Amino acid sequence: MGILEDFYMGKVKPLEDFGFSDDPVYKMNSREIEQLEYSLMVGRSKKEQKVCQELKHLRTIQNNMELERMFLYAFRMGAAFACDLFQE
């Protein structure tokens, strides 16, 4: 089966199989972000911790929305390239 058939049959799930970057800079940034987030939580009141958690949650939602938008844009562009290719 080709990729289109696999995609149609649900065997290809781009967002699930996307994975994470194995770039060392990405990993370093991820660790630093985690440490900074932790440092913002330490010694804070429960109310301040809740605000930090909410900020992190909203940022995650926003990032996911942006990833979805970029995926759809790239998918549509790829489809347009394929259509143009087969018209010639």
N, C-alpha and C. Protein backbone atom coordinates (compact mmCIF):
# COMPACT_ATOMS: atom_id res chain seq x y z
N MET A 1 0.83 -1.19 0.00
CA MET A 1 0.00 0.00 0.00
C MET A 1 0.88 1.25 0.00
N GLY A 2 0.44 2.30 -0.70
CA GLY A 2 1.16 3.56 -0.72
C GLY A 2 0.79 4.42 0.47
N ILE A 3 1.46 5.55 0.58
CA ILE A 3 1.23 6.42 1.73
C ILE A 3 -0.18 7.00 1.74
N LEU A 4 -0.76 7.29 0.57
CA LEU A 4 -2.12 7.82 0.54
C LEU A 4 -3.13 6.80 1.06
N GLU A 5 -2.95 5.55 0.65
CA GLU A 5 -3.85 4.50 1.15
C GLU A 5 -3.66 4.30 2.65
N ASP A 6 -2.41 4.29 3.09
CA ASP A 6 -2.14 4.15 4.52
C ASP A 6 -2.75 5.30 5.31
N PHE A 7 -2.64 6.52 4.76
CA PHE A 7 -3.22 7.68 5.42
C PHE A 7 -4.74 7.56 5.51
N TYR A 8 -5.36 7.16 4.40
CA TYR A 8 -6.81 7.00 4.37
C TYR A 8 -7.27 5.93 5.36
N MET A 9 -6.51 4.84 5.47
CA MET A 9 -6.88 3.74 6.36
C MET A 9 -6.50 4.00 7.82
N GLY A 10 -5.91 5.16 8.09
CA GLY A 10 -5.57 5.50 9.46
C GLY A 10 -4.26 4.90 9.95
N LYS A 11 -3.47 4.37 9.05
CA LYS A 11 -2.19 3.77 9.45
C LYS A 11 -1.09 4.82 9.57
N VAL A 12 -1.29 5.96 8.92
CA VAL A 12 -0.34 7.07 8.99
C VAL A 12 -1.02 8.18 9.79
N LYS A 13 -0.41 8.53 10.91
CA LYS A 13 -0.96 9.58 11.77
C LYS A 13 0.14 10.60 12.00
N PRO A 14 0.27 11.58 11.12
CA PRO A 14 1.40 12.52 11.18
C PRO A 14 1.60 13.20 12.53
N LEU A 15 0.52 13.62 13.16
CA LEU A 15 0.70 14.31 14.43
C LEU A 15 1.13 13.37 15.55
N GLU A 16 0.73 12.11 15.49
CA GLU A 16 1.11 11.16 16.53
C GLU A 16 2.52 10.65 16.33
N ASP A 17 2.93 10.48 15.09
CA ASP A 17 4.24 9.90 14.79
C ASP A 17 5.32 10.96 14.60
N PHE A 18 4.98 12.20 14.83
CA PHE A 18 5.91 13.29 14.57
C PHE A 18 7.15 13.19 15.46
N GLY A 19 6.95 12.81 16.73
CA GLY A 19 8.07 12.63 17.64
C GLY A 19 8.69 13.94 18.09
N PHE A 20 9.90 13.83 18.60
CA PHE A 20 10.63 14.98 19.11
C PHE A 20 11.96 15.10 18.39
N SER A 21 12.46 16.28 18.34
CA SER A 21 13.75 16.52 17.71
C SER A 21 14.86 15.86 18.53
N ASP A 22 15.83 15.30 17.83
CA ASP A 22 16.99 14.76 18.55
C ASP A 22 18.18 15.71 18.43
N ASP A 23 17.90 16.92 18.01
CA ASP A 23 18.92 17.97 17.95
C ASP A 23 19.38 18.28 19.38
N PRO A 24 20.69 18.30 19.63
CA PRO A 24 21.18 18.57 20.98
C PRO A 24 20.77 19.95 21.51
N VAL A 25 20.64 20.93 20.62
CA VAL A 25 20.20 22.27 21.06
C VAL A 25 18.76 22.21 21.55
N TYR A 26 17.91 21.46 20.85
CA TYR A 26 16.52 21.29 21.27
C TYR A 26 16.47 20.66 22.67
N LYS A 27 17.24 19.60 22.85
CA LYS A 27 17.27 18.91 24.15
C LYS A 27 17.78 19.83 25.25
N MET A 28 18.82 20.60 24.95
CA MET A 28 19.38 21.53 25.93
C MET A 28 18.34 22.59 26.31
N ASN A 29 17.65 23.13 25.30
CA ASN A 29 16.60 24.13 25.56
C ASN A 29 15.46 23.53 26.38
N SER A 30 15.09 22.31 26.09
CA SER A 30 14.02 21.64 26.84
C SER A 30 14.39 21.50 28.31
N ARG A 31 15.62 21.08 28.57
CA ARG A 31 16.08 20.94 29.96
C ARG A 31 16.11 22.29 30.66
N GLU A 32 16.58 23.33 29.96
CA GLU A 32 16.65 24.66 30.56
C GLU A 32 15.25 25.20 30.87
N ILE A 33 14.31 24.99 29.94
CA ILE A 33 12.93 25.42 30.17
C ILE A 33 12.36 24.72 31.40
N GLU A 34 12.60 23.41 31.48
CA GLU A 34 12.10 22.64 32.62
C GLU A 34 12.68 23.18 33.94
N GLN A 35 13.96 23.48 33.95
CA GLN A 35 14.59 24.01 35.16
C GLN A 35 14.04 25.38 35.52
N LEU A 36 13.84 26.23 34.52
CA LEU A 36 13.29 27.56 34.78
C LEU A 36 11.85 27.48 35.29
N GLU A 37 11.07 26.59 34.69
CA GLU A 37 9.69 26.42 35.17
C GLU A 37 9.69 25.94 36.62
N TYR A 38 10.58 25.03 36.94
CA TYR A 38 10.67 24.52 38.31
C TYR A 38 11.06 25.66 39.26
N SER A 39 12.04 26.47 38.84
CA SER A 39 12.50 27.56 39.72
C SER A 39 11.40 28.59 39.96
N LEU A 40 10.48 28.74 39.00
CA LEU A 40 9.36 29.67 39.20
C LEU A 40 8.35 29.14 40.21
N MET A 41 8.32 27.82 40.39
CA MET A 41 7.34 27.21 41.29
C MET A 41 7.85 27.14 42.74
N VAL A 42 9.15 27.00 42.91
CA VAL A 42 9.73 26.82 44.24
C VAL A 42 9.55 28.08 45.08
N GLY A 43 9.06 27.90 46.29
CA GLY A 43 8.90 29.01 47.22
C GLY A 43 7.72 29.91 46.95
N ARG A 44 6.89 29.54 46.02
CA ARG A 44 5.71 30.35 45.71
C ARG A 44 4.51 29.88 46.52
N SER A 45 3.58 30.78 46.70
CA SER A 45 2.34 30.40 47.37
C SER A 45 1.53 29.50 46.45
N LYS A 46 0.56 28.83 47.00
CA LYS A 46 -0.31 27.96 46.19
C LYS A 46 -0.98 28.76 45.08
N LYS A 47 -1.40 29.98 45.39
CA LYS A 47 -2.06 30.82 44.39
C LYS A 47 -1.10 31.16 43.25
N GLU A 48 0.13 31.52 43.60
CA GLU A 48 1.13 31.85 42.57
C GLU A 48 1.49 30.61 41.74
N GLN A 49 1.58 29.46 42.39
CA GLN A 49 1.84 28.22 41.67
C GLN A 49 0.73 27.91 40.68
N LYS A 50 -0.51 28.17 41.11
CA LYS A 50 -1.64 27.92 40.22
C LYS A 50 -1.59 28.85 39.01
N VAL A 51 -1.19 30.10 39.20
CA VAL A 51 -1.06 31.04 38.09
C VAL A 51 0.01 30.55 37.12
N CYS A 52 1.15 30.08 37.65
CA CYS A 52 2.22 29.56 36.80
C CYS A 52 1.74 28.34 36.01
N GLN A 53 1.00 27.46 36.66
CA GLN A 53 0.46 26.27 35.99
C GLN A 53 -0.51 26.67 34.89
N GLU A 54 -1.36 27.64 35.16
CA GLU A 54 -2.33 28.10 34.16
C GLU A 54 -1.61 28.73 32.96
N LEU A 55 -0.58 29.51 33.24
CA LEU A 55 0.21 30.11 32.16
C LEU A 55 0.82 29.03 31.28
N LYS A 56 1.39 28.02 31.91
CA LYS A 56 2.00 26.91 31.17
C LYS A 56 0.94 26.18 30.34
N HIS A 57 -0.23 25.97 30.92
CA HIS A 57 -1.32 25.28 30.23
C HIS A 57 -1.78 26.08 29.00
N LEU A 58 -1.99 27.38 29.19
CA LEU A 58 -2.44 28.23 28.07
C LEU A 58 -1.39 28.30 26.97
N ARG A 59 -0.12 28.34 27.37
CA ARG A 59 0.95 28.37 26.37
C ARG A 59 0.99 27.06 25.58
N THR A 60 0.74 25.95 26.25
CA THR A 60 0.69 24.65 25.57
C THR A 60 -0.45 24.62 24.56
N ILE A 61 -1.61 25.10 24.95
CA ILE A 61 -2.76 25.16 24.04
C ILE A 61 -2.42 26.02 22.83
N GLN A 62 -1.84 27.18 23.08
CA GLN A 62 -1.48 28.09 21.99
C GLN A 62 -0.45 27.44 21.06
N ASN A 63 0.57 26.81 21.60
CA ASN A 63 1.58 26.14 20.78
C ASN A 63 0.96 25.03 19.95
N ASN A 64 0.06 24.25 20.54
CA ASN A 64 -0.59 23.17 19.80
C ASN A 64 -1.44 23.71 18.66
N MET A 65 -2.12 24.83 18.89
CA MET A 65 -2.91 25.44 17.83
C MET A 65 -2.02 25.89 16.68
N GLU A 66 -0.86 26.45 17.01
CA GLU A 66 0.07 26.90 15.98
C GLU A 66 0.65 25.72 15.21
N LEU A 67 0.96 24.63 15.90
CA LEU A 67 1.46 23.43 15.22
C LEU A 67 0.41 22.87 14.26
N GLU A 68 -0.84 22.86 14.71
CA GLU A 68 -1.92 22.37 13.84
C GLU A 68 -2.05 23.25 12.60
N ARG A 69 -1.99 24.56 12.80
CA ARG A 69 -2.09 25.49 11.67
C ARG A 69 -0.95 25.26 10.68
N MET A 70 0.27 25.10 11.20
CA MET A 70 1.43 24.89 10.32
C MET A 70 1.32 23.56 9.59
N PHE A 71 0.85 22.52 10.28
CA PHE A 71 0.69 21.21 9.64
C PHE A 71 -0.31 21.30 8.49
N LEU A 72 -1.46 21.92 8.75
CA LEU A 72 -2.49 22.04 7.71
C LEU A 72 -1.99 22.86 6.52
N TYR A 73 -1.27 23.93 6.80
CA TYR A 73 -0.71 24.76 5.73
C TYR A 73 0.26 23.94 4.87
N ALA A 74 1.16 23.21 5.53
CA ALA A 74 2.14 22.41 4.80
C ALA A 74 1.48 21.28 4.03
N PHE A 75 0.47 20.66 4.62
CA PHE A 75 -0.24 19.57 3.95
C PHE A 75 -0.94 20.08 2.70
N ARG A 76 -1.62 21.23 2.84
CA ARG A 76 -2.31 21.80 1.68
C ARG A 76 -1.31 22.21 0.59
N MET A 77 -0.18 22.76 0.99
CA MET A 77 0.82 23.15 0.02
C MET A 77 1.36 21.91 -0.70
N GLY A 78 1.62 20.85 0.05
CA GLY A 78 2.10 19.60 -0.55
C GLY A 78 1.08 19.04 -1.53
N ALA A 79 -0.20 19.10 -1.15
CA ALA A 79 -1.25 18.62 -2.04
C ALA A 79 -1.33 19.48 -3.30
N ALA A 80 -1.16 20.78 -3.15
CA ALA A 80 -1.18 21.67 -4.31
C ALA A 80 0.00 21.37 -5.24
N PHE A 81 1.16 21.09 -4.67
CA PHE A 81 2.31 20.70 -5.49
C PHE A 81 2.01 19.42 -6.25
N ALA A 82 1.43 18.44 -5.56
CA ALA A 82 1.11 17.16 -6.20
C ALA A 82 0.09 17.36 -7.33
N CYS A 83 -0.94 18.15 -7.09
CA CYS A 83 -1.94 18.42 -8.14
C CYS A 83 -1.29 19.10 -9.33
N ASP A 84 -0.44 20.07 -9.07
CA ASP A 84 0.24 20.77 -10.15
C ASP A 84 1.14 19.82 -10.93
N LEU A 85 1.81 18.95 -10.25
CA LEU A 85 2.69 17.98 -10.88
C LEU A 85 1.94 17.06 -11.83
N PHE A 86 0.76 16.60 -11.40
CA PHE A 86 0.01 15.67 -12.20
C PHE A 86 -0.79 16.34 -13.32
N GLN A 87 -0.91 17.66 -13.32
CA GLN A 87 -1.61 18.37 -14.39
C GLN A 87 -0.74 18.49 -15.63
N GLU A 88 0.56 18.39 -15.45
CA GLU A 88 1.47 18.54 -16.60
C GLU A 88 1.61 17.26 -17.37
